[in-house]
Amino acid sequence: MSSPDLAGDHLADVADATEQGIHRVNHNPRLPWSFLAHTGLTIHPPHPPNLRKGQ
C-alpha cells in the first residue's frame, strides 16, 4: 500500500486512490465538514442541521 502523499506510478493507481477517497467521504457525512473546519474558514451554520453535535 502506498503513502497517501505520493502519486502512483501509473494513472490507474491515481484513479484507484481517488475512487477510494471519494468512497470514504461518501460514507462519512461528517468528513467533508471536518475538512472545511480545518481550513480555518468560517462556516455558517457551523454544523449542517442533520449533523449537529450530540446527534
N, C-alpha and C. Protein backbone atom coordinates (compact mmCIF):
# COMPACT_ATOMS: atom_id res chain seq x y z
N MET A 1 0.86 -1.18 0.00
CA MET A 1 0.00 0.00 0.00
C MET A 1 0.89 1.23 0.00
N SER A 2 0.58 2.19 -0.84
CA SER A 2 1.42 3.37 -0.95
C SER A 2 0.98 4.46 0.02
N SER A 3 1.87 5.41 0.23
CA SER A 3 1.57 6.54 1.11
C SER A 3 0.53 7.44 0.46
N PRO A 4 -0.40 7.98 1.23
CA PRO A 4 -1.42 8.86 0.64
C PRO A 4 -0.84 10.17 0.10
N ASP A 5 0.41 10.47 0.46
CA ASP A 5 1.03 11.71 0.00
C ASP A 5 1.77 11.55 -1.33
N LEU A 6 1.86 10.34 -1.84
CA LEU A 6 2.62 10.10 -3.05
C LEU A 6 1.70 9.70 -4.19
N ALA A 7 2.01 10.21 -5.37
CA ALA A 7 1.25 9.81 -6.56
C ALA A 7 1.67 8.40 -6.95
N GLY A 8 0.79 7.67 -7.55
CA GLY A 8 1.10 6.32 -8.00
C GLY A 8 2.01 6.33 -9.22
N ASP A 9 2.53 5.17 -9.54
CA ASP A 9 3.40 5.04 -10.70
C ASP A 9 2.62 5.06 -12.00
N HIS A 10 1.33 4.75 -11.93
CA HIS A 10 0.50 4.65 -13.13
C HIS A 10 -0.79 5.43 -12.90
N LEU A 11 -1.37 5.87 -13.99
CA LEU A 11 -2.62 6.62 -13.89
C LEU A 11 -3.70 5.79 -13.20
N ALA A 12 -3.70 4.49 -13.42
CA ALA A 12 -4.69 3.62 -12.76
C ALA A 12 -4.54 3.67 -11.25
N ASP A 13 -3.30 3.79 -10.75
CA ASP A 13 -3.07 3.90 -9.31
C ASP A 13 -3.70 5.17 -8.76
N VAL A 14 -3.52 6.26 -9.50
CA VAL A 14 -4.09 7.55 -9.08
C VAL A 14 -5.61 7.48 -9.11
N ALA A 15 -6.17 6.88 -10.15
CA ALA A 15 -7.62 6.74 -10.27
C ALA A 15 -8.18 5.89 -9.13
N ASP A 16 -7.48 4.79 -8.80
CA ASP A 16 -7.94 3.94 -7.70
C ASP A 16 -7.91 4.69 -6.36
N ALA A 17 -6.83 5.43 -6.11
CA ALA A 17 -6.73 6.19 -4.86
C ALA A 17 -7.81 7.26 -4.79
N THR A 18 -8.10 7.90 -5.92
CA THR A 18 -9.15 8.91 -5.96
C THR A 18 -10.51 8.29 -5.66
N GLU A 19 -10.79 7.16 -6.28
CA GLU A 19 -12.06 6.48 -6.05
C GLU A 19 -12.21 6.06 -4.59
N GLN A 20 -11.15 5.55 -3.99
CA GLN A 20 -11.19 5.16 -2.58
C GLN A 20 -11.47 6.38 -1.69
N GLY A 21 -10.84 7.52 -2.00
CA GLY A 21 -11.06 8.74 -1.22
C GLY A 21 -12.49 9.22 -1.32
N ILE A 22 -13.03 9.21 -2.53
CA ILE A 22 -14.42 9.63 -2.73
C ILE A 22 -15.36 8.69 -1.99
N HIS A 23 -15.10 7.40 -2.06
CA HIS A 23 -15.92 6.41 -1.36
C HIS A 23 -15.90 6.67 0.15
N ARG A 24 -14.71 6.98 0.67
CA ARG A 24 -14.57 7.26 2.11
C ARG A 24 -15.39 8.48 2.52
N VAL A 25 -15.32 9.54 1.71
CA VAL A 25 -16.07 10.76 2.02
C VAL A 25 -17.58 10.50 1.91
N ASN A 26 -17.99 9.75 0.92
CA ASN A 26 -19.42 9.46 0.73
C ASN A 26 -20.01 8.64 1.87
N HIS A 27 -19.19 7.87 2.57
CA HIS A 27 -19.71 7.02 3.64
C HIS A 27 -19.53 7.62 5.03
N ASN A 28 -19.02 8.83 5.10
CA ASN A 28 -18.87 9.50 6.39
C ASN A 28 -19.33 10.95 6.22
N PRO A 29 -20.61 11.24 6.50
CA PRO A 29 -21.15 12.57 6.25
C PRO A 29 -20.48 13.68 7.07
N ARG A 30 -19.79 13.33 8.11
CA ARG A 30 -19.10 14.35 8.92
C ARG A 30 -17.74 14.74 8.31
N LEU A 31 -17.18 13.89 7.49
CA LEU A 31 -15.84 14.11 6.97
C LEU A 31 -15.69 15.40 6.17
N PRO A 32 -16.57 15.71 5.21
CA PRO A 32 -16.42 16.97 4.48
C PRO A 32 -16.47 18.19 5.42
N TRP A 33 -17.32 18.15 6.42
CA TRP A 33 -17.40 19.26 7.37
C TRP A 33 -16.12 19.37 8.18
N SER A 34 -15.53 18.23 8.50
CA SER A 34 -14.26 18.24 9.21
C SER A 34 -13.17 18.87 8.35
N PHE A 35 -13.14 18.52 7.07
CA PHE A 35 -12.17 19.12 6.16
C PHE A 35 -12.34 20.64 6.13
N LEU A 36 -13.57 21.09 5.99
CA LEU A 36 -13.84 22.53 5.94
C LEU A 36 -13.46 23.22 7.25
N ALA A 37 -13.74 22.59 8.37
CA ALA A 37 -13.42 23.18 9.66
C ALA A 37 -11.92 23.41 9.81
N HIS A 38 -11.13 22.51 9.26
CA HIS A 38 -9.67 22.62 9.39
C HIS A 38 -9.06 23.64 8.43
N THR A 39 -9.85 24.20 7.53
CA THR A 39 -9.31 25.23 6.63
C THR A 39 -9.16 26.56 7.34
N GLY A 40 -9.87 26.72 8.47
CA GLY A 40 -9.84 27.99 9.18
C GLY A 40 -10.90 28.96 8.68
N LEU A 41 -11.68 28.54 7.70
CA LEU A 41 -12.75 29.39 7.19
C LEU A 41 -13.94 29.35 8.13
N THR A 42 -14.72 30.40 8.13
CA THR A 42 -15.94 30.44 8.92
C THR A 42 -17.03 29.71 8.14
N ILE A 43 -17.69 28.79 8.81
CA ILE A 43 -18.74 28.01 8.18
C ILE A 43 -20.06 28.35 8.85
N HIS A 44 -21.06 28.72 8.04
CA HIS A 44 -22.39 29.04 8.57
C HIS A 44 -23.40 28.14 7.90
N PRO A 45 -24.14 27.35 8.60
CA PRO A 45 -24.05 27.11 10.04
C PRO A 45 -22.79 26.32 10.35
N PRO A 46 -22.34 26.33 11.60
CA PRO A 46 -21.11 25.62 11.94
C PRO A 46 -21.21 24.10 11.74
N HIS A 47 -22.43 23.58 11.78
CA HIS A 47 -22.67 22.16 11.51
C HIS A 47 -23.94 22.08 10.68
N PRO A 48 -23.99 21.18 9.72
CA PRO A 48 -25.24 21.04 8.98
C PRO A 48 -26.37 20.63 9.93
N PRO A 49 -27.59 21.04 9.66
CA PRO A 49 -28.70 20.77 10.59
C PRO A 49 -28.86 19.30 10.95
N ASN A 50 -28.58 18.38 10.02
CA ASN A 50 -28.77 16.96 10.33
C ASN A 50 -27.56 16.34 11.02
N LEU A 51 -26.50 17.11 11.28
CA LEU A 51 -25.30 16.56 11.93
C LEU A 51 -24.86 17.39 13.12
N ARG A 52 -25.80 18.04 13.78
CA ARG A 52 -25.44 18.86 14.93
C ARG A 52 -24.81 18.00 16.02
N LYS A 53 -23.93 18.60 16.80
CA LYS A 53 -23.27 17.86 17.87
C LYS A 53 -24.32 17.26 18.79
N GLY A 54 -24.04 16.05 19.24
CA GLY A 54 -24.93 15.38 20.16
C GLY A 54 -25.94 14.48 19.49
N GLN A 55 -25.94 14.44 18.17
CA GLN A 55 -26.87 13.56 17.46
C GLN A 55 -26.18 12.32 17.01
